[in-house]
């Protein structure tokens, strides 16, 4: 994958524009990208400025321009859930190249920013920033914080730990504080805690409580003392969800047990929900899953469907995340289709993956919407996703993708894109 600097203004005209703010689509719009990778104009064709003489003008009829999408929950360091327990068997050098390939596929699927919630070193973020590799902008938790015997503890009976350093186990509030300091030292942008058990772990259940409310509060306080980093909580069962919200976390990941009480409390606290529906609809394969993982997924399916609908009805702030690795990489925007199938309007689902997701990550001043002055992270889709949201879930329908104004995917969008690249991976 290459990132191509076109070196002149780009004007996408006669496009349908969905700007990510939740406003109605503009049917005959123009989006202008400056040579320095910013949005110069985004609005109706009738109000568009005259293009500069050196502008590359693209007729985008029958196409939709949207902000680059944000996946708030991925695991780029793993190809599958089983990889999380078997990675110690693999050659670490090969794993780097495989991770970069997953980054390429994620970007080609329309994800220009990805938040990795366990298993990805900060070096991958730096490599993207320095244009050593092409991929989405990365926010990473590096490791997760869990307790002994909890969702993050998959130690073998003999004591061998196959997580390859993915987890810090902490069983007191003081140990939780120390773990936060360690992941910050390792370059973490976000702190990830396990507030409940989970589906893929062998020793617990989603209803089990993970870190105690005192331990979660210690994590949140320590994160606040170090730059105000957000705290994401893996939380599936209701009791752990309530502990996490009361403990002050920024987001609930999965949230399968979001009762009315949990939804109302999240609304009062301003807590985000990242539902990861893809793990249920696209991530269940009995042939490739451990038996305990498959059994839990099937048992929680109906509860998840019901409670996600409840969260929509009660106005919880929802940001898109897929848990890619548990589900397939490179098909991230299928999550929007699942959100719509359970009651979200297509525009609201798109907003959850653009503006709301950017607010959760604290980057809404730079990305997430098509507004003048923001970074030109842009996706061009064939057709109209407001009438068929599934279009976005198939990367073949994404005609072009820009990240930071660089062209990173060109599928019949620009006939004259130069061959030289600004960076490669």
Protein backbone atom coordinates (compact mmCIF):
# COMPACT_ATOMS: atom_id res chain seq x y z
CA UNK A 1 0.00 0.00 0.00
CA UNK A 2 1.27 3.47 -0.93
CA UNK A 3 0.39 6.95 0.27
CA UNK A 4 0.53 9.30 -2.72
CA UNK A 5 1.07 13.04 -2.38
CA UNK A 6 -0.66 14.63 -5.37
CA UNK A 7 1.11 17.96 -4.84
CA UNK A 8 -1.76 20.20 -5.89
CA UNK A 9 -5.30 21.12 -4.81
CA UNK A 10 -7.92 18.39 -5.23
CA UNK A 11 -11.55 19.19 -5.90
CA UNK A 12 -14.18 16.45 -5.56
CA UNK A 13 -17.32 17.89 -7.14
CA UNK A 14 -20.92 16.85 -7.87
CA UNK A 15 -20.69 14.43 -4.95
CA UNK A 16 -23.20 13.54 -2.29
CA UNK A 17 -21.65 14.74 0.97
CA UNK A 18 -22.26 13.29 4.42
CA UNK A 19 -20.15 15.52 6.65
CA UNK A 20 -20.26 13.39 9.83
CA UNK A 21 -22.00 16.01 11.97
CA UNK A 22 -25.40 14.35 11.64
CA UNK A 23 -26.76 17.06 9.36
CA UNK A 24 -28.67 15.98 6.22
CA UNK A 25 -26.59 14.98 3.23
CA UNK A 26 -25.76 17.64 0.64
CA UNK A 27 -26.77 16.21 -2.72
CA UNK A 28 -24.62 18.30 -5.09
CA UNK A 29 -21.54 19.13 -3.09
CA UNK A 30 -17.88 20.00 -3.44
CA UNK A 31 -15.04 18.97 -1.15
CA UNK A 32 -11.67 20.67 -1.67
CA UNK A 33 -8.38 19.36 -0.32
CA UNK A 34 -5.41 21.71 -0.04
CA UNK A 35 -1.86 20.62 -0.96
CA UNK A 36 -0.99 20.55 2.76
CA UNK A 37 -3.69 17.95 3.45
CA UNK A 38 -6.44 20.10 4.93
CA UNK A 39 -10.08 20.62 3.95
CA UNK A 40 -10.41 23.97 2.17
CA UNK A 41 -14.14 23.77 1.43
CA UNK A 42 -16.98 21.33 2.06
CA UNK A 43 -20.43 22.42 1.01
CA UNK A 44 -22.95 22.93 -1.79
CA UNK A 45 -21.69 23.26 -5.37
CA UNK A 46 -23.51 26.58 -5.65
CA UNK A 47 -21.32 28.08 -2.90
CA UNK A 48 -18.02 26.53 -3.92
CA UNK A 49 -15.07 28.77 -4.77
CA UNK A 50 -13.57 28.83 -8.24
CA UNK A 51 -10.92 26.09 -8.43
CA UNK A 52 -7.27 27.13 -8.83
CA UNK A 53 -5.78 26.59 -12.28
CA UNK A 54 -3.62 23.71 -11.05
CA UNK A 55 -6.45 21.93 -9.22
CA UNK A 56 -7.15 18.29 -9.95
CA UNK A 57 -10.92 18.26 -10.51
CA UNK A 58 -12.74 14.95 -10.02
CA UNK A 59 -16.35 14.42 -11.10
CA UNK A 60 -17.88 12.36 -8.31
CA UNK A 61 -21.40 11.85 -9.61
CA UNK A 62 -23.19 8.88 -8.02
CA UNK A 63 -20.58 8.81 -5.26
CA UNK A 64 -20.70 9.84 -1.62
CA UNK A 65 -17.92 11.64 0.23
CA UNK A 66 -17.68 11.00 3.98
CA UNK A 67 -15.15 11.63 6.75
CA UNK A 68 -12.57 8.94 7.32
CA UNK A 69 -14.04 6.43 9.74
CA UNK A 70 -12.80 5.68 13.26
CA UNK A 71 -12.82 2.19 14.77
CA UNK A 72 -12.62 2.63 18.54
CA UNK A 73 -11.88 -1.02 19.36
CA UNK A 74 -9.46 -3.18 17.38
CA UNK A 75 -6.63 -5.62 18.09
CA UNK A 76 -4.26 -5.19 15.17
CA UNK A 77 -1.57 -7.31 16.77
CA UNK A 78 -3.62 -10.49 16.35
CA UNK A 79 -5.30 -12.16 13.42
CA UNK A 80 -7.88 -14.02 15.49
CA UNK A 81 -8.97 -14.65 19.06
CA UNK A 82 -6.91 -17.83 19.11
CA UNK A 83 -3.82 -15.82 18.17
CA UNK A 84 -4.05 -14.06 21.52
CA UNK A 85 -3.12 -17.29 23.29
CA UNK A 86 -0.78 -18.74 20.65
CA UNK A 87 1.34 -15.79 19.61
CA UNK A 88 4.27 -17.04 21.67
CA UNK A 89 4.63 -19.79 19.04
CA UNK A 90 5.18 -17.32 16.21
CA UNK A 91 8.29 -15.60 14.90
CA UNK A 92 8.15 -12.02 16.25
CA UNK A 93 9.63 -10.53 13.08
CA UNK A 94 6.99 -12.15 10.92
CA UNK A 95 4.34 -10.91 13.34
CA UNK A 96 5.44 -7.32 12.67
CA UNK A 97 4.89 -7.74 8.94
CA UNK A 98 1.55 -9.47 9.52
CA UNK A 99 0.47 -6.61 11.76
CA UNK A 100 1.38 -4.07 9.08
CA UNK A 101 -0.68 -6.06 6.58
CA UNK A 102 -3.66 -5.88 8.94
CA UNK A 103 -3.12 -2.13 9.22
CA UNK A 104 -3.20 -1.89 5.41
CA UNK A 105 -6.45 -3.86 5.21
CA UNK A 106 -8.01 -1.77 7.96
CA UNK A 107 -7.15 1.47 6.17
CA UNK A 108 -8.39 0.10 2.84
CA UNK A 109 -11.70 -0.67 4.57
CA UNK A 110 -12.18 3.05 5.30
CA UNK A 111 -10.73 3.26 8.82
CA UNK A 112 -8.39 6.24 8.92
CA UNK A 113 -8.04 6.18 12.73
CA UNK A 114 -8.01 3.06 14.89
CA UNK A 115 -7.89 2.62 18.66
CA UNK A 116 -6.11 -0.60 19.59
CA UNK A 117 -7.21 -1.86 23.00
CA UNK A 118 -4.53 -4.39 23.80
CA UNK A 119 -1.56 -6.06 22.18
CA UNK A 120 -0.10 -3.33 19.96
CA UNK A 121 3.11 -1.57 20.93
CA UNK A 122 3.37 2.20 20.63
CA UNK A 123 6.04 1.70 17.97
CA UNK A 124 3.35 1.07 15.36
CA UNK A 125 1.77 4.44 16.13
CA UNK A 126 5.15 6.12 15.77
CA UNK A 127 5.88 4.26 12.51
CA UNK A 128 2.66 5.64 11.00
CA UNK A 129 3.37 9.15 12.27
CA UNK A 130 6.87 9.07 10.76
CA UNK A 131 5.50 7.69 7.46
CA UNK A 132 7.61 4.55 7.78
CA UNK A 133 4.48 2.50 7.09
CA UNK A 134 1.03 3.31 5.75
CA UNK A 135 -1.88 2.69 8.07
CA UNK A 136 -4.61 4.37 10.08
CA UNK A 137 -3.60 6.82 12.77
CA UNK A 138 -3.14 4.70 15.88
CA UNK A 139 -4.24 5.17 19.47
CA UNK A 140 -3.06 2.25 21.58
CA UNK A 141 -3.56 0.92 25.10
CA UNK A 142 -0.43 -1.27 24.63
CA UNK A 143 -1.53 -3.67 27.39
CA UNK A 144 -4.66 -4.30 29.44
CA UNK A 145 -5.16 -4.21 33.21
CA UNK A 146 -6.86 -7.26 34.67
CA UNK A 147 -6.90 -9.24 37.91
CA UNK A 148 -5.61 -12.71 38.70
CA UNK A 149 -8.00 -15.23 37.22
CA UNK A 150 -9.84 -12.54 35.27
CA UNK A 151 -10.46 -11.93 31.60
CA UNK A 152 -6.87 -10.88 30.95
CA UNK A 153 -5.31 -13.85 32.77
CA UNK A 154 -4.92 -16.86 30.51
CA UNK A 155 -1.98 -18.41 32.35
CA UNK A 156 -1.68 -22.16 31.92
CA UNK A 157 -2.06 -24.44 34.98
CA UNK A 158 1.73 -24.86 35.00
CA UNK A 159 2.12 -21.10 35.38
CA UNK A 160 3.16 -20.37 31.79
CA UNK A 161 1.71 -17.07 30.52
CA UNK A 162 1.00 -17.20 26.76
CA UNK A 163 -0.23 -13.60 26.50
CA UNK A 164 3.24 -12.45 25.38
CA UNK A 165 3.09 -9.50 27.76
CA UNK A 166 -0.37 -8.29 26.79
CA UNK A 167 -1.68 -8.00 30.37
CA UNK A 168 -0.65 -6.44 33.68
CA UNK A 169 -2.31 -8.34 36.51
CA UNK A 170 -3.25 -6.12 39.45
CA UNK A 171 -5.17 -7.20 42.54
CA UNK A 172 -5.15 -4.04 44.66
CA UNK A 173 -5.73 -0.35 44.03
CA UNK A 174 -2.02 0.31 44.52
CA UNK A 175 -1.08 -2.37 41.99
CA UNK A 176 -3.57 -0.83 39.56
CA UNK A 177 -1.87 2.55 39.91
CA UNK A 178 1.52 1.00 39.26
CA UNK A 179 0.16 -0.78 36.17
CA UNK A 180 -1.16 2.52 34.80
CA UNK A 181 2.26 4.09 35.26
CA UNK A 182 3.90 1.17 33.45
CA UNK A 183 1.65 1.33 30.37
CA UNK A 184 2.10 5.09 30.22
CA UNK A 185 5.86 4.50 30.29
CA UNK A 186 5.35 2.13 27.34
CA UNK A 187 3.57 4.85 25.36
CA UNK A 188 -0.13 4.17 25.99
CA UNK A 189 -2.63 6.73 24.66
CA UNK A 190 -5.56 5.12 26.50
CA UNK A 191 -5.80 2.89 29.57
CA UNK A 192 -7.76 -0.35 29.18
CA UNK A 193 -9.21 -2.16 32.20
CA UNK A 194 -11.20 -5.34 32.54
CA UNK A 195 -14.26 -4.61 34.65
CA UNK A 196 -15.84 -8.01 33.97
CA UNK A 197 -15.05 -11.46 32.76
CA UNK A 198 -15.44 -12.20 29.10
CA UNK A 199 -16.27 -14.53 26.26
CA UNK A 200 -12.84 -15.75 25.15
CA UNK A 201 -11.24 -16.21 28.58
CA UNK A 202 -11.22 -19.71 30.06
CA UNK A 203 -11.60 -18.97 33.78
CA UNK A 204 -14.51 -16.56 34.05
CA UNK A 205 -17.93 -15.54 32.78
CA UNK A 206 -19.16 -12.21 31.35
CA UNK A 207 -21.24 -11.69 34.52
CA UNK A 208 -18.19 -12.01 36.77
CA UNK A 209 -16.84 -8.73 38.10
CA UNK A 210 -13.28 -7.82 37.22
CA UNK A 211 -11.39 -4.93 38.81
CA UNK A 212 -13.27 -3.60 41.82
CA UNK A 213 -14.79 -0.14 41.81
CA UNK A 214 -11.96 1.04 44.11
CA UNK A 215 -9.36 -0.31 41.69
CA UNK A 216 -11.13 1.29 38.72
CA UNK A 217 -11.26 4.63 40.53
CA UNK A 218 -7.54 4.35 41.22
CA UNK A 219 -6.90 3.75 37.51
CA UNK A 220 -9.07 6.70 36.47
CA UNK A 221 -7.37 8.97 39.00
CA UNK A 222 -3.89 7.89 37.92
CA UNK A 223 -4.77 8.37 34.25
CA UNK A 224 -6.12 11.84 35.02
CA UNK A 225 -2.87 12.72 36.80
CA UNK A 226 -0.92 11.84 33.67
CA UNK A 227 -2.34 14.00 30.94
CA UNK A 228 -5.98 13.07 31.39
CA UNK A 229 -5.75 9.89 29.37
CA UNK A 230 -9.13 8.22 28.73
CA UNK A 231 -9.97 4.89 30.36
CA UNK A 232 -11.76 2.18 28.36
CA UNK A 233 -13.45 -0.61 30.28
CA UNK A 234 -14.05 -4.07 28.91
CA UNK A 235 -17.44 -4.56 30.56
CA UNK A 236 -20.02 -7.15 29.56
CA UNK A 237 -22.11 -8.13 32.62
CA UNK A 238 -24.34 -5.55 34.29
CA UNK A 239 -22.63 -5.40 37.71
CA UNK A 240 -19.22 -4.72 36.17
CA UNK A 241 -20.70 -2.15 33.78
CA UNK A 242 -22.16 -0.25 36.72
CA UNK A 243 -18.86 -0.46 38.61
CA UNK A 244 -17.00 0.91 35.59
CA UNK A 245 -19.38 3.83 35.05
CA UNK A 246 -19.39 4.70 38.74
CA UNK A 247 -15.61 4.41 38.73
CA UNK A 248 -15.43 7.15 36.11
CA UNK A 249 -14.32 5.36 32.95
CA UNK A 250 -14.61 7.12 29.62
CA UNK A 251 -16.14 4.25 27.65
CA UNK A 252 -17.83 0.91 28.12
CA UNK A 253 -16.57 -1.65 25.62
CA UNK A 254 -19.08 -4.32 24.49
CA UNK A 255 -21.75 -3.42 27.10
CA UNK A 256 -23.84 -6.52 26.51
CA UNK A 257 -25.59 -6.12 29.88
CA UNK A 258 -26.60 -2.45 29.49
CA UNK A 259 -29.82 -2.36 31.52
CA UNK A 260 -32.05 0.70 31.88
CA UNK A 261 -30.14 1.60 35.04
CA UNK A 262 -26.79 1.32 33.25
CA UNK A 263 -28.02 3.37 30.29
CA UNK A 264 -29.34 6.12 32.53
CA UNK A 265 -26.16 6.19 34.60
CA UNK A 266 -24.05 6.36 31.42
CA UNK A 267 -26.17 9.31 30.29
CA UNK A 268 -25.66 11.12 33.60
CA UNK A 269 -21.89 10.53 33.55
CA UNK A 270 -21.40 11.15 29.81
CA UNK A 271 -19.97 7.66 29.37
CA UNK A 272 -19.66 6.32 25.82
CA UNK A 273 -20.74 2.85 24.70
CA UNK A 274 -18.67 0.97 22.10
CA UNK A 275 -20.88 -2.06 21.35
CA UNK A 276 -18.67 -4.24 19.02
CA UNK A 277 -21.63 -6.00 17.41
CA UNK A 278 -19.33 -7.55 14.81
CA UNK A 279 -18.09 -10.00 17.43
CA UNK A 280 -21.56 -11.52 17.47
CA UNK A 281 -22.65 -11.23 13.86
CA UNK A 282 -19.31 -11.76 12.10
CA UNK A 283 -17.13 -13.28 14.79
CA UNK A 284 -18.82 -16.60 15.52
CA UNK A 285 -17.33 -19.66 13.86
CA UNK A 286 -17.68 -22.86 15.84
CA UNK A 287 -14.99 -24.54 13.75
CA UNK A 288 -12.30 -22.04 14.74
CA UNK A 289 -13.40 -21.05 18.27
CA UNK A 290 -12.60 -22.62 21.60
CA UNK A 291 -15.71 -24.44 22.91
CA UNK A 292 -16.12 -22.15 25.93
CA UNK A 293 -15.91 -19.08 23.66
CA UNK A 294 -18.57 -20.36 21.28
CA UNK A 295 -20.91 -21.37 24.09
CA UNK A 296 -20.76 -17.97 25.78
CA UNK A 297 -21.32 -16.08 22.53
CA UNK A 298 -24.43 -18.06 21.70
CA UNK A 299 -25.79 -17.69 25.24
CA UNK A 300 -25.41 -13.90 25.22
CA UNK A 301 -26.67 -13.22 21.68
CA UNK A 302 -30.29 -12.36 22.51
CA UNK A 303 -29.35 -10.28 25.56
CA UNK A 304 -26.95 -8.19 23.49
CA UNK A 305 -29.50 -7.54 20.76
CA UNK A 306 -32.12 -6.44 23.29
CA UNK A 307 -29.81 -4.21 25.30
CA UNK A 308 -28.27 -2.45 22.32
CA UNK A 309 -31.76 -1.45 21.25
CA UNK A 310 -32.34 -0.16 24.78
CA UNK A 311 -29.16 1.94 24.62
CA UNK A 312 -30.30 3.54 21.35
CA UNK A 313 -33.74 4.35 22.77
CA UNK A 314 -32.31 5.90 25.93
CA UNK A 315 -29.87 8.13 24.07
CA UNK A 316 -26.56 6.66 25.23
CA UNK A 317 -23.57 8.13 23.37
CA UNK A 318 -22.53 5.36 20.98
CA UNK A 319 -19.18 5.19 19.17
CA UNK A 320 -18.28 2.51 16.65
CA UNK A 321 -15.91 -0.32 17.48
CA UNK A 322 -15.54 -3.81 16.06
CA UNK A 323 -13.11 -5.77 18.26
CA UNK A 324 -11.42 -6.79 14.99
CA UNK A 325 -9.37 -9.94 15.57
CA UNK A 326 -12.32 -11.47 17.42
CA UNK A 327 -14.13 -10.66 14.16
CA UNK A 328 -12.39 -10.30 10.79
CA UNK A 329 -9.97 -7.50 9.99
CA UNK A 330 -10.58 -5.39 6.89
CA UNK A 331 -14.38 -5.52 7.07
CA UNK A 332 -14.77 -2.96 9.84
CA UNK A 333 -17.66 -0.97 8.41
CA UNK A 334 -19.93 -4.01 8.46
CA UNK A 335 -20.42 -2.84 12.06
CA UNK A 336 -22.59 -0.01 10.70
CA UNK A 337 -24.86 -2.52 9.01
CA UNK A 338 -25.29 -4.38 12.31
CA UNK A 339 -26.03 -1.17 14.18
CA UNK A 340 -28.72 -0.27 11.66
CA UNK A 341 -30.20 -3.77 11.77
CA UNK A 342 -30.75 -3.31 15.51
CA UNK A 343 -32.48 0.04 15.27
CA UNK A 344 -30.08 2.89 14.47
CA UNK A 345 -30.81 5.18 11.57
CA UNK A 346 -28.09 5.01 8.89
CA UNK A 347 -27.09 8.63 9.49
CA UNK A 348 -26.77 7.98 13.24
CA UNK A 349 -24.61 4.92 12.63
CA UNK A 350 -22.31 6.94 10.35
CA UNK A 351 -22.12 9.69 12.97
CA UNK A 352 -21.20 7.09 15.61
CA UNK A 353 -18.20 6.14 13.47
CA UNK A 354 -17.13 9.70 12.68
CA UNK A 355 -18.00 12.66 14.92
CA UNK A 356 -18.90 10.70 18.08
CA UNK A 357 -15.89 8.41 17.73
CA UNK A 358 -13.60 11.43 17.29
CA UNK A 359 -15.04 12.97 20.46
CA UNK A 360 -14.38 9.76 22.39
CA UNK A 361 -10.75 9.71 21.23
CA UNK A 362 -10.30 13.42 21.91
CA UNK A 363 -9.43 14.27 18.30
CA UNK A 364 -12.61 16.04 17.17
CA UNK A 365 -10.65 19.24 16.61
CA UNK A 366 -8.71 17.50 13.80
CA UNK A 367 -10.80 14.69 12.30
CA UNK A 368 -14.26 13.11 12.38
CA UNK A 369 -16.16 15.64 10.26
CA UNK A 370 -15.77 17.33 6.89
CA UNK A 371 -15.20 20.92 8.00
CA UNK A 372 -12.85 23.64 6.80
CA UNK A 373 -9.44 23.46 8.43
CA UNK A 374 -9.67 19.85 9.53
CA UNK A 375 -7.33 17.12 8.35
CA UNK A 376 -8.42 15.63 5.02
CA UNK A 377 -9.26 12.12 6.16
CA UNK A 378 -11.85 11.31 3.51
CA UNK A 379 -13.66 8.25 2.16
CA UNK A 380 -15.34 8.20 -1.27
CA UNK A 381 -18.02 5.52 -1.58
CA UNK A 382 -19.85 4.33 -4.69
CA UNK A 383 -23.60 4.81 -4.29
CA UNK A 384 -25.59 6.15 -1.36
CA UNK A 385 -25.00 4.52 2.05
CA UNK A 386 -28.04 6.27 3.48
CA UNK A 387 -30.23 4.07 1.32
CA UNK A 388 -27.97 1.00 1.56
CA UNK A 389 -25.65 1.10 4.59
CA UNK A 390 -24.16 -2.26 3.57
CA UNK A 391 -22.28 -0.48 0.75
CA UNK A 392 -19.74 0.77 3.27
CA UNK A 393 -19.11 -2.71 4.65
CA UNK A 394 -17.61 -3.94 1.39
CA UNK A 395 -14.18 -2.35 0.76
CA UNK A 396 -14.71 -2.90 -2.99
CA UNK A 397 -17.29 -0.08 -2.88
CA UNK A 398 -14.77 2.43 -1.55
CA UNK A 399 -13.50 4.18 -4.66
CA UNK A 400 -10.94 6.35 -2.90
CA UNK A 401 -9.49 7.04 0.52
CA UNK A 402 -7.39 9.99 1.66
CA UNK A 403 -5.56 10.14 4.96
CA UNK A 404 -4.07 13.48 5.84
CA UNK A 405 -4.63 14.55 2.24
CA UNK A 406 -2.53 11.67 0.90
CA UNK A 407 -4.23 9.28 -1.48
CA UNK A 408 -3.97 5.83 0.09
CA UNK A 409 -6.57 4.02 -2.01
CA UNK A 410 -7.45 4.71 -5.63
CA UNK A 411 -10.06 2.37 -7.09
CA UNK A 412 -11.17 4.19 -10.23
CA UNK A 413 -11.38 7.53 -8.45
CA UNK A 414 -8.40 9.36 -9.98
CA UNK A 415 -7.25 8.37 -13.45
CA UNK A 416 -4.11 10.49 -13.26
CA UNK A 417 -2.71 9.71 -9.81
CA UNK A 418 1.10 9.79 -10.00
CA UNK A 419 3.16 6.69 -9.37
CA UNK A 420 5.55 8.28 -6.89
CA UNK A 421 4.65 7.71 -3.24
CA UNK A 422 5.26 9.76 -0.14
CA UNK A 423 5.58 6.66 1.98
CA UNK A 424 5.07 2.97 1.79
CA UNK A 425 4.67 -0.11 3.88
